Amino acid sequence: MSISRFPAYLRLLGERTPFESPSTAPAASAVTETDPATGVATRDALLDGLEAMGRIAPRAPLSFLVVKVAGLGHCDGEDQLRGIAARIRELTRGTDIVGRFTGTTFGIALQGTGVTAAGAVAARMTHHLNRMAELSPSICITVSAATGTGINAETLPTAAMDTYEPCCG
């Protein structure tokens, strides 16, 4: 029996619980579908990864961040999104899953991250993303977060979108 290290807890491999089987419990960091325009996970892959995190540790802290990009131009919008996606990947941990949630919105699943840490990550993301030198001055980026435990994985994206407040400046 081997031991695998995940943030905030250890899990024994080889032991199966009723909600987990080898085919339904993929590694949370194994994202197979990538958005070709930005290089991050697709919406489906992001949500599948979030659900996998919830199944692996139903009682562990779990957070979901929504990064909303406003003010994109028609000409260079995809280039701007690609740069923002790259910067988000730089600002996240290897165990986090970054994906394109909607056209101009990214989602980030943060495994083992509670309320205080999620707030700190959201503030740090907002600070760094809005200060990217290559962004057009008209672009405004806001970050909202929802936290819970793995058992709440399905509701976190909706909760994070509900907390979104369109304000910049």
N, C-alpha and C. Protein backbone atom coordinates (compact mmCIF):
# COMPACT_ATOMS: atom_id res chain seq x y z
N MET A 1 0.86 -1.17 0.00
CA MET A 1 0.00 0.00 0.00
C MET A 1 0.90 1.23 0.00
N SER A 2 0.67 2.16 -0.93
CA SER A 2 1.49 3.35 -1.01
C SER A 2 0.73 4.55 -0.47
N ILE A 3 1.47 5.58 -0.11
CA ILE A 3 0.86 6.80 0.42
C ILE A 3 1.11 7.91 -0.59
N SER A 4 0.07 8.67 -0.87
CA SER A 4 0.17 9.79 -1.80
C SER A 4 -0.06 11.08 -1.03
N ARG A 5 0.73 12.11 -1.29
CA ARG A 5 0.64 13.37 -0.55
C ARG A 5 -0.25 14.36 -1.30
N PHE A 6 -1.28 14.85 -0.64
CA PHE A 6 -2.14 15.90 -1.14
C PHE A 6 -2.08 17.02 -0.12
N PRO A 7 -2.33 18.26 -0.53
CA PRO A 7 -2.32 19.36 0.45
C PRO A 7 -3.31 19.11 1.58
N ALA A 8 -2.85 19.27 2.79
CA ALA A 8 -3.66 19.25 4.00
C ALA A 8 -4.09 17.86 4.46
N TYR A 9 -3.74 16.81 3.77
CA TYR A 9 -4.11 15.49 4.25
C TYR A 9 -3.34 14.41 3.49
N LEU A 10 -3.36 13.21 4.03
CA LEU A 10 -2.77 12.04 3.38
C LEU A 10 -3.89 11.07 3.04
N ARG A 11 -3.72 10.36 1.95
CA ARG A 11 -4.72 9.38 1.55
C ARG A 11 -4.00 8.10 1.20
N LEU A 12 -4.48 6.98 1.69
CA LEU A 12 -3.89 5.70 1.36
C LEU A 12 -4.45 5.22 0.03
N LEU A 13 -3.55 4.91 -0.89
CA LEU A 13 -3.98 4.37 -2.17
C LEU A 13 -4.21 2.87 -2.01
N GLY A 14 -5.13 2.34 -2.73
CA GLY A 14 -5.42 0.92 -2.63
C GLY A 14 -6.66 0.65 -1.81
N GLU A 15 -6.98 1.53 -0.89
CA GLU A 15 -8.21 1.40 -0.12
C GLU A 15 -9.29 2.17 -0.82
N ARG A 16 -10.41 1.57 -1.06
CA ARG A 16 -11.51 2.23 -1.77
C ARG A 16 -12.66 2.49 -0.81
N THR A 17 -13.25 3.65 -0.97
CA THR A 17 -14.44 3.98 -0.20
C THR A 17 -15.64 3.82 -1.12
N PRO A 18 -16.87 3.82 -0.62
CA PRO A 18 -18.04 3.60 -1.47
C PRO A 18 -18.18 4.58 -2.64
N PHE A 19 -17.69 5.80 -2.50
CA PHE A 19 -17.85 6.79 -3.55
C PHE A 19 -16.67 6.84 -4.51
N GLU A 20 -15.71 5.95 -4.36
CA GLU A 20 -14.50 6.05 -5.14
C GLU A 20 -14.10 4.71 -5.73
N SER A 21 -13.80 4.70 -7.01
CA SER A 21 -13.27 3.50 -7.65
C SER A 21 -12.13 3.95 -8.54
N PRO A 22 -11.28 3.05 -9.01
CA PRO A 22 -10.16 3.48 -9.83
C PRO A 22 -10.59 4.26 -11.07
N SER A 23 -11.74 3.94 -11.64
CA SER A 23 -12.17 4.63 -12.85
C SER A 23 -12.86 5.96 -12.58
N THR A 24 -13.40 6.16 -11.37
CA THR A 24 -14.13 7.40 -11.10
C THR A 24 -13.36 8.36 -10.21
N ALA A 25 -12.16 8.03 -9.78
CA ALA A 25 -11.39 8.93 -8.92
C ALA A 25 -10.06 9.27 -9.57
N PRO A 26 -10.08 10.10 -10.62
CA PRO A 26 -8.83 10.48 -11.26
C PRO A 26 -8.04 11.41 -10.36
N ALA A 27 -6.76 11.50 -10.61
CA ALA A 27 -5.94 12.44 -9.85
C ALA A 27 -6.45 13.85 -10.13
N ALA A 28 -6.55 14.65 -9.07
CA ALA A 28 -7.13 15.99 -9.22
C ALA A 28 -6.32 16.86 -10.17
N SER A 29 -5.03 16.63 -10.26
CA SER A 29 -4.21 17.47 -11.11
C SER A 29 -4.11 16.96 -12.54
N ALA A 30 -4.74 15.82 -12.84
CA ALA A 30 -4.67 15.26 -14.19
C ALA A 30 -5.78 15.84 -15.05
N VAL A 31 -5.51 16.97 -15.69
CA VAL A 31 -6.48 17.61 -16.55
C VAL A 31 -6.14 17.23 -17.99
N THR A 32 -7.11 16.63 -18.70
CA THR A 32 -6.82 16.14 -20.04
C THR A 32 -7.31 17.06 -21.14
N GLU A 33 -8.33 17.86 -20.90
CA GLU A 33 -8.87 18.74 -21.93
C GLU A 33 -8.33 20.15 -21.73
N THR A 34 -7.76 20.71 -22.80
CA THR A 34 -7.17 22.03 -22.74
C THR A 34 -7.84 22.96 -23.74
N ASP A 35 -8.13 24.18 -23.30
CA ASP A 35 -8.70 25.20 -24.17
C ASP A 35 -7.60 25.65 -25.13
N PRO A 36 -7.80 25.49 -26.44
CA PRO A 36 -6.73 25.81 -27.40
C PRO A 36 -6.34 27.29 -27.42
N ALA A 37 -7.26 28.18 -27.11
CA ALA A 37 -6.96 29.62 -27.17
C ALA A 37 -6.11 30.10 -26.01
N THR A 38 -6.28 29.51 -24.82
CA THR A 38 -5.59 30.02 -23.63
C THR A 38 -4.59 29.04 -23.03
N GLY A 39 -4.69 27.77 -23.36
CA GLY A 39 -3.77 26.79 -22.82
C GLY A 39 -4.11 26.29 -21.42
N VAL A 40 -5.28 26.67 -20.89
CA VAL A 40 -5.72 26.17 -19.59
C VAL A 40 -6.83 25.14 -19.81
N ALA A 41 -7.29 24.54 -18.75
CA ALA A 41 -8.33 23.51 -18.85
C ALA A 41 -9.63 24.08 -19.42
N THR A 42 -10.40 23.22 -20.06
CA THR A 42 -11.73 23.62 -20.51
C THR A 42 -12.66 23.67 -19.31
N ARG A 43 -13.84 24.23 -19.51
CA ARG A 43 -14.84 24.30 -18.44
C ARG A 43 -15.17 22.91 -17.91
N ASP A 44 -15.40 21.96 -18.80
CA ASP A 44 -15.74 20.59 -18.36
C ASP A 44 -14.60 19.96 -17.57
N ALA A 45 -13.37 20.13 -18.04
CA ALA A 45 -12.23 19.56 -17.33
C ALA A 45 -12.05 20.22 -15.97
N LEU A 46 -12.27 21.53 -15.89
CA LEU A 46 -12.17 22.26 -14.62
C LEU A 46 -13.20 21.74 -13.62
N LEU A 47 -14.45 21.62 -14.07
CA LEU A 47 -15.50 21.14 -13.16
C LEU A 47 -15.31 19.68 -12.79
N ASP A 48 -14.83 18.87 -13.73
CA ASP A 48 -14.53 17.47 -13.40
C ASP A 48 -13.42 17.38 -12.36
N GLY A 49 -12.39 18.22 -12.51
CA GLY A 49 -11.30 18.24 -11.53
C GLY A 49 -11.77 18.70 -10.17
N LEU A 50 -12.65 19.69 -10.15
CA LEU A 50 -13.21 20.18 -8.88
C LEU A 50 -14.01 19.08 -8.19
N GLU A 51 -14.83 18.37 -8.96
CA GLU A 51 -15.60 17.26 -8.39
C GLU A 51 -14.70 16.14 -7.89
N ALA A 52 -13.60 15.87 -8.62
CA ALA A 52 -12.65 14.84 -8.19
C ALA A 52 -12.00 15.25 -6.87
N MET A 53 -11.66 16.53 -6.73
CA MET A 53 -11.10 17.02 -5.46
C MET A 53 -12.10 16.80 -4.33
N GLY A 54 -13.36 17.05 -4.60
CA GLY A 54 -14.40 16.87 -3.59
C GLY A 54 -14.58 15.42 -3.20
N ARG A 55 -14.50 14.52 -4.18
CA ARG A 55 -14.63 13.08 -3.88
C ARG A 55 -13.44 12.56 -3.09
N ILE A 56 -12.25 13.04 -3.42
CA ILE A 56 -11.04 12.56 -2.75
C ILE A 56 -11.04 12.94 -1.28
N ALA A 57 -11.47 14.15 -0.98
CA ALA A 57 -11.47 14.63 0.41
C ALA A 57 -12.74 15.40 0.70
N PRO A 58 -13.83 14.70 1.00
CA PRO A 58 -15.12 15.38 1.20
C PRO A 58 -15.16 16.33 2.39
N ARG A 59 -14.27 16.17 3.36
CA ARG A 59 -14.30 17.04 4.54
C ARG A 59 -13.19 18.09 4.54
N ALA A 60 -12.30 18.03 3.55
CA ALA A 60 -11.17 18.97 3.49
C ALA A 60 -11.64 20.31 2.90
N PRO A 61 -10.99 21.40 3.27
CA PRO A 61 -11.35 22.71 2.71
C PRO A 61 -11.15 22.71 1.19
N LEU A 62 -12.03 23.40 0.50
CA LEU A 62 -11.97 23.50 -0.95
C LEU A 62 -12.53 24.86 -1.34
N SER A 63 -11.84 25.54 -2.24
CA SER A 63 -12.29 26.87 -2.67
C SER A 63 -12.31 26.95 -4.18
N PHE A 64 -13.14 27.85 -4.68
CA PHE A 64 -13.23 28.09 -6.12
C PHE A 64 -13.20 29.60 -6.35
N LEU A 65 -12.27 30.04 -7.19
CA LEU A 65 -12.15 31.45 -7.52
C LEU A 65 -12.64 31.69 -8.94
N VAL A 66 -13.29 32.81 -9.16
CA VAL A 66 -13.72 33.23 -10.48
C VAL A 66 -12.96 34.51 -10.81
N VAL A 67 -12.24 34.49 -11.94
CA VAL A 67 -11.48 35.64 -12.41
C VAL A 67 -12.22 36.19 -13.63
N LYS A 68 -12.85 37.35 -13.47
CA LYS A 68 -13.66 37.96 -14.54
C LYS A 68 -12.87 39.06 -15.21
N VAL A 69 -12.76 38.96 -16.53
CA VAL A 69 -12.02 39.95 -17.32
C VAL A 69 -13.03 40.81 -18.08
N ALA A 70 -12.99 42.12 -17.87
CA ALA A 70 -13.90 43.04 -18.54
C ALA A 70 -13.10 44.04 -19.36
N GLY A 71 -13.71 44.55 -20.42
CA GLY A 71 -13.08 45.59 -21.23
C GLY A 71 -12.16 45.10 -22.33
N LEU A 72 -12.32 43.85 -22.73
CA LEU A 72 -11.48 43.32 -23.81
C LEU A 72 -11.90 43.91 -25.15
N GLY A 73 -10.92 44.21 -25.99
CA GLY A 73 -11.21 44.68 -27.34
C GLY A 73 -11.43 43.51 -28.27
N HIS A 74 -12.01 43.77 -29.43
CA HIS A 74 -12.29 42.70 -30.39
C HIS A 74 -11.03 42.23 -31.09
N CYS A 75 -10.09 43.13 -31.31
CA CYS A 75 -8.90 42.80 -32.10
C CYS A 75 -7.92 41.91 -31.35
N ASP A 76 -7.60 42.27 -30.13
CA ASP A 76 -6.56 41.54 -29.40
C ASP A 76 -7.08 40.79 -28.18
N GLY A 77 -8.38 40.52 -28.14
CA GLY A 77 -8.98 39.88 -26.98
C GLY A 77 -8.38 38.53 -26.64
N GLU A 78 -8.21 37.66 -27.64
CA GLU A 78 -7.66 36.33 -27.39
C GLU A 78 -6.21 36.40 -26.92
N ASP A 79 -5.43 37.34 -27.49
CA ASP A 79 -4.04 37.50 -27.05
C ASP A 79 -3.99 37.96 -25.60
N GLN A 80 -4.87 38.87 -25.23
CA GLN A 80 -4.93 39.37 -23.86
C GLN A 80 -5.33 38.23 -22.90
N LEU A 81 -6.32 37.44 -23.31
CA LEU A 81 -6.76 36.31 -22.47
C LEU A 81 -5.64 35.28 -22.30
N ARG A 82 -4.89 35.04 -23.37
CA ARG A 82 -3.78 34.09 -23.30
C ARG A 82 -2.72 34.57 -22.29
N GLY A 83 -2.42 35.88 -22.30
CA GLY A 83 -1.48 36.44 -21.35
C GLY A 83 -1.99 36.38 -19.92
N ILE A 84 -3.27 36.65 -19.73
CA ILE A 84 -3.88 36.58 -18.40
C ILE A 84 -3.86 35.14 -17.89
N ALA A 85 -4.19 34.19 -18.76
CA ALA A 85 -4.17 32.77 -18.36
C ALA A 85 -2.77 32.34 -17.94
N ALA A 86 -1.76 32.78 -18.68
CA ALA A 86 -0.38 32.43 -18.33
C ALA A 86 -0.01 33.01 -16.96
N ARG A 87 -0.43 34.24 -16.70
CA ARG A 87 -0.12 34.87 -15.41
C ARG A 87 -0.86 34.18 -14.27
N ILE A 88 -2.10 33.77 -14.51
CA ILE A 88 -2.84 33.03 -13.47
C ILE A 88 -2.11 31.74 -13.14
N ARG A 89 -1.64 31.03 -14.15
CA ARG A 89 -0.90 29.78 -13.91
C ARG A 89 0.36 30.04 -13.09
N GLU A 90 1.03 31.17 -13.34
CA GLU A 90 2.23 31.52 -12.55
C GLU A 90 1.88 31.78 -11.09
N LEU A 91 0.70 32.31 -10.84
CA LEU A 91 0.29 32.70 -9.48
C LEU A 91 -0.36 31.57 -8.69
N THR A 92 -0.58 30.42 -9.31
CA THR A 92 -1.23 29.31 -8.61
C THR A 92 -0.25 28.19 -8.33
N ARG A 93 -0.67 27.29 -7.46
CA ARG A 93 0.15 26.13 -7.09
C ARG A 93 -0.03 25.03 -8.13
N GLY A 94 0.86 24.05 -8.10
CA GLY A 94 0.77 22.93 -9.01
C GLY A 94 -0.46 22.06 -8.77
N THR A 95 -1.01 22.09 -7.56
CA THR A 95 -2.18 21.28 -7.24
C THR A 95 -3.49 21.97 -7.58
N ASP A 96 -3.44 23.26 -7.92
CA ASP A 96 -4.64 24.01 -8.29
C ASP A 96 -4.98 23.72 -9.75
N ILE A 97 -6.25 23.80 -10.08
CA ILE A 97 -6.68 23.61 -11.46
C ILE A 97 -7.20 24.94 -11.98
N VAL A 98 -6.62 25.41 -13.07
CA VAL A 98 -7.02 26.66 -13.72
C VAL A 98 -7.72 26.30 -15.02
N GLY A 99 -8.89 26.90 -15.25
CA GLY A 99 -9.62 26.61 -16.47
C GLY A 99 -10.39 27.81 -16.97
N ARG A 100 -10.77 27.76 -18.23
CA ARG A 100 -11.59 28.83 -18.81
C ARG A 100 -13.04 28.48 -18.50
N PHE A 101 -13.66 29.29 -17.67
CA PHE A 101 -15.00 29.00 -17.16
C PHE A 101 -16.06 29.43 -18.17
N THR A 102 -15.95 30.65 -18.67
CA THR A 102 -16.80 31.14 -19.77
C THR A 102 -15.88 31.89 -20.72
N GLY A 103 -16.42 32.62 -21.67
CA GLY A 103 -15.61 33.31 -22.66
C GLY A 103 -14.54 34.21 -22.08
N THR A 104 -14.89 35.07 -21.13
CA THR A 104 -13.93 36.00 -20.53
C THR A 104 -13.75 35.76 -19.04
N THR A 105 -14.05 34.57 -18.59
CA THR A 105 -13.97 34.24 -17.17
C THR A 105 -13.14 32.97 -16.98
N PHE A 106 -12.26 33.01 -16.00
CA PHE A 106 -11.47 31.84 -15.64
C PHE A 106 -11.92 31.34 -14.27
N GLY A 107 -11.78 30.05 -14.04
CA GLY A 107 -12.08 29.45 -12.75
C GLY A 107 -10.82 28.80 -12.20
N ILE A 108 -10.67 28.81 -10.90
CA ILE A 108 -9.52 28.19 -10.25
C ILE A 108 -10.02 27.36 -9.08
N ALA A 109 -9.74 26.06 -9.11
CA ALA A 109 -10.08 25.16 -8.01
C ALA A 109 -8.87 25.07 -7.09
N LEU A 110 -9.06 25.43 -5.82
CA LEU A 110 -7.98 25.46 -4.84
C LEU A 110 -8.19 24.37 -3.79
N GLN A 111 -7.45 23.30 -3.92
CA GLN A 111 -7.57 22.17 -2.99
C GLN A 111 -6.90 22.51 -1.66
N GLY A 112 -7.57 22.19 -0.55
CA GLY A 112 -7.01 22.41 0.77
C GLY A 112 -6.93 23.87 1.17
N THR A 113 -7.78 24.72 0.58
CA THR A 113 -7.73 26.16 0.84
C THR A 113 -9.04 26.61 1.49
N GLY A 114 -8.94 27.13 2.71
CA GLY A 114 -10.10 27.58 3.45
C GLY A 114 -10.41 29.05 3.19
N VAL A 115 -11.26 29.61 4.04
CA VAL A 115 -11.77 30.96 3.85
C VAL A 115 -10.66 32.02 3.85
N THR A 116 -9.81 32.01 4.85
CA THR A 116 -8.77 33.03 4.96
C THR A 116 -7.79 32.95 3.80
N ALA A 117 -7.34 31.75 3.49
CA ALA A 117 -6.37 31.59 2.40
C ALA A 117 -7.00 31.94 1.05
N ALA A 118 -8.26 31.58 0.83
CA ALA A 118 -8.92 31.91 -0.44
C ALA A 118 -9.05 33.42 -0.61
N GLY A 119 -9.36 34.12 0.47
CA GLY A 119 -9.42 35.58 0.41
C GLY A 119 -8.07 36.19 0.09
N ALA A 120 -7.02 35.64 0.67
CA ALA A 120 -5.67 36.13 0.40
C ALA A 120 -5.27 35.87 -1.04
N VAL A 121 -5.60 34.69 -1.56
CA VAL A 121 -5.29 34.36 -2.95
C VAL A 121 -6.05 35.28 -3.89
N ALA A 122 -7.33 35.52 -3.60
CA ALA A 122 -8.14 36.40 -4.45
C ALA A 122 -7.57 37.82 -4.46
N ALA A 123 -7.16 38.32 -3.31
CA ALA A 123 -6.59 39.67 -3.24
C ALA A 123 -5.26 39.74 -4.00
N ARG A 124 -4.42 38.71 -3.84
CA ARG A 124 -3.14 38.68 -4.54
C ARG A 124 -3.34 38.60 -6.05
N MET A 125 -4.30 37.78 -6.49
CA MET A 125 -4.61 37.66 -7.92
C MET A 125 -5.08 38.99 -8.48
N THR A 126 -6.00 39.64 -7.79
CA THR A 126 -6.52 40.92 -8.24
C THR A 126 -5.40 41.94 -8.39
N HIS A 127 -4.54 42.00 -7.39
CA HIS A 127 -3.42 42.95 -7.40
C HIS A 127 -2.51 42.69 -8.60
N HIS A 128 -2.03 41.46 -8.75
CA HIS A 128 -1.06 41.16 -9.80
C HIS A 128 -1.66 41.20 -11.20
N LEU A 129 -2.87 40.71 -11.36
CA LEU A 129 -3.46 40.68 -12.70
C LEU A 129 -3.79 42.07 -13.22
N ASN A 130 -4.24 42.96 -12.37
CA ASN A 130 -4.57 44.32 -12.81
C ASN A 130 -3.33 45.18 -13.03
N ARG A 131 -2.17 44.67 -12.69
CA ARG A 131 -0.94 45.42 -12.89
C ARG A 131 -0.05 44.82 -13.97
N MET A 132 -0.61 43.98 -14.79
CA MET A 132 0.16 43.39 -15.89
C MET A 132 0.44 44.48 -16.92
N ALA A 133 1.72 44.68 -17.24
CA ALA A 133 2.14 45.76 -18.14
C ALA A 133 1.57 45.61 -19.55
N GLU A 134 1.39 44.37 -19.99
CA GLU A 134 0.96 44.15 -21.37
C GLU A 134 -0.55 44.29 -21.58
N LEU A 135 -1.30 44.53 -20.52
CA LEU A 135 -2.74 44.67 -20.65
C LEU A 135 -3.13 46.07 -21.14
N SER A 136 -4.19 46.10 -21.90
CA SER A 136 -4.77 47.36 -22.34
C SER A 136 -5.31 48.09 -21.11
N PRO A 137 -5.21 49.42 -21.07
CA PRO A 137 -5.72 50.18 -19.91
C PRO A 137 -7.22 50.02 -19.68
N SER A 138 -7.96 49.63 -20.71
CA SER A 138 -9.41 49.49 -20.56
C SER A 138 -9.81 48.19 -19.88
N ILE A 139 -8.86 47.27 -19.70
CA ILE A 139 -9.18 45.96 -19.11
C ILE A 139 -9.20 46.06 -17.60
N CYS A 140 -10.24 45.47 -17.02
CA CYS A 140 -10.42 45.42 -15.57
C CYS A 140 -10.64 43.97 -15.17
N ILE A 141 -9.92 43.52 -14.16
CA ILE A 141 -10.03 42.13 -13.72
C ILE A 141 -10.48 42.10 -12.27
N THR A 142 -11.55 41.34 -12.00
CA THR A 142 -12.03 41.15 -10.63
C THR A 142 -11.98 39.67 -10.29
N VAL A 143 -11.75 39.38 -9.02
CA VAL A 143 -11.67 38.00 -8.56
C VAL A 143 -12.65 37.82 -7.41
N SER A 144 -13.49 36.80 -7.50
CA SER A 144 -14.40 36.47 -6.40
C SER A 144 -14.15 35.03 -5.99
N ALA A 145 -14.54 34.70 -4.77
CA ALA A 145 -14.24 33.36 -4.24
C ALA A 145 -15.42 32.79 -3.49
N ALA A 146 -15.48 31.47 -3.47
CA ALA A 146 -16.43 30.72 -2.64
C ALA A 146 -15.64 29.60 -1.99
N THR A 147 -15.92 29.34 -0.72
CA THR A 147 -15.22 28.28 0.00
C THR A 147 -16.21 27.33 0.64
N GLY A 148 -15.74 26.16 0.89
CA GLY A 148 -16.54 25.14 1.55
C GLY A 148 -15.66 23.94 1.82
N THR A 149 -16.26 22.77 1.76
CA THR A 149 -15.49 21.54 1.88
C THR A 149 -15.73 20.73 0.61
N GLY A 150 -15.01 19.64 0.48
CA GLY A 150 -15.13 18.82 -0.71
C GLY A 150 -16.54 18.38 -1.00
N ILE A 151 -17.33 18.21 0.03
CA ILE A 151 -18.71 17.76 -0.15
C ILE A 151 -19.55 18.81 -0.88
N ASN A 152 -19.11 20.10 -0.85
CA ASN A 152 -19.81 21.20 -1.50
C ASN A 152 -19.26 21.51 -2.89
N ALA A 153 -18.44 20.66 -3.46
CA ALA A 153 -17.73 20.96 -4.70
C ALA A 153 -18.66 21.41 -5.83
N GLU A 154 -19.82 20.79 -5.95
CA GLU A 154 -20.73 21.12 -7.06
C GLU A 154 -21.29 22.54 -6.97
N THR A 155 -21.44 23.06 -5.77
CA THR A 155 -22.07 24.38 -5.60
C THR A 155 -21.08 25.54 -5.59
N LEU A 156 -19.79 25.26 -5.46
CA LEU A 156 -18.81 26.35 -5.34
C LEU A 156 -18.74 27.27 -6.56
N PRO A 157 -18.73 26.75 -7.80
CA PRO A 157 -18.67 27.69 -8.93
C PRO A 157 -19.85 28.67 -8.98
N THR A 158 -21.05 28.17 -8.72
CA THR A 158 -22.23 29.04 -8.72
C THR A 158 -22.13 30.08 -7.61
N ALA A 159 -21.68 29.65 -6.44
CA ALA A 159 -21.54 30.57 -5.31
C ALA A 159 -20.50 31.65 -5.62
N ALA A 160 -19.39 31.27 -6.26
CA ALA A 160 -18.37 32.26 -6.60
C ALA A 160 -18.88 33.25 -7.64
N MET A 161 -19.66 32.78 -8.60
CA MET A 161 -20.23 33.68 -9.61
C MET A 161 -21.24 34.62 -8.96
N ASP A 162 -21.98 34.14 -7.97
CA ASP A 162 -22.97 34.97 -7.28
C ASP A 162 -22.35 36.08 -6.46
N THR A 163 -21.09 35.90 -6.03
CA THR A 163 -20.42 36.93 -5.23
C THR A 163 -19.71 37.96 -6.09
N TYR A 164 -19.71 37.75 -7.39
CA TYR A 164 -19.03 38.65 -8.32
C TYR A 164 -19.65 40.04 -8.28
N GLU A 165 -18.84 41.06 -8.11
CA GLU A 165 -19.29 42.44 -8.13
C GLU A 165 -18.52 43.18 -9.23
N PRO A 166 -19.20 43.65 -10.26
CA PRO A 166 -18.51 44.32 -11.36
C PRO A 166 -18.04 45.73 -10.98
N CYS A 167 -16.85 45.79 -10.41
CA CYS A 167 -16.31 47.10 -10.05
C CYS A 167 -14.81 47.10 -10.24
N CYS A 168 -14.31 48.13 -10.78
CA CYS A 168 -12.87 48.34 -10.92
C CYS A 168 -12.62 49.83 -10.84
N GLY A 169 -11.38 50.14 -10.54
CA GLY A 169 -11.03 51.55 -10.59
C GLY A 169 -10.53 52.01 -9.33
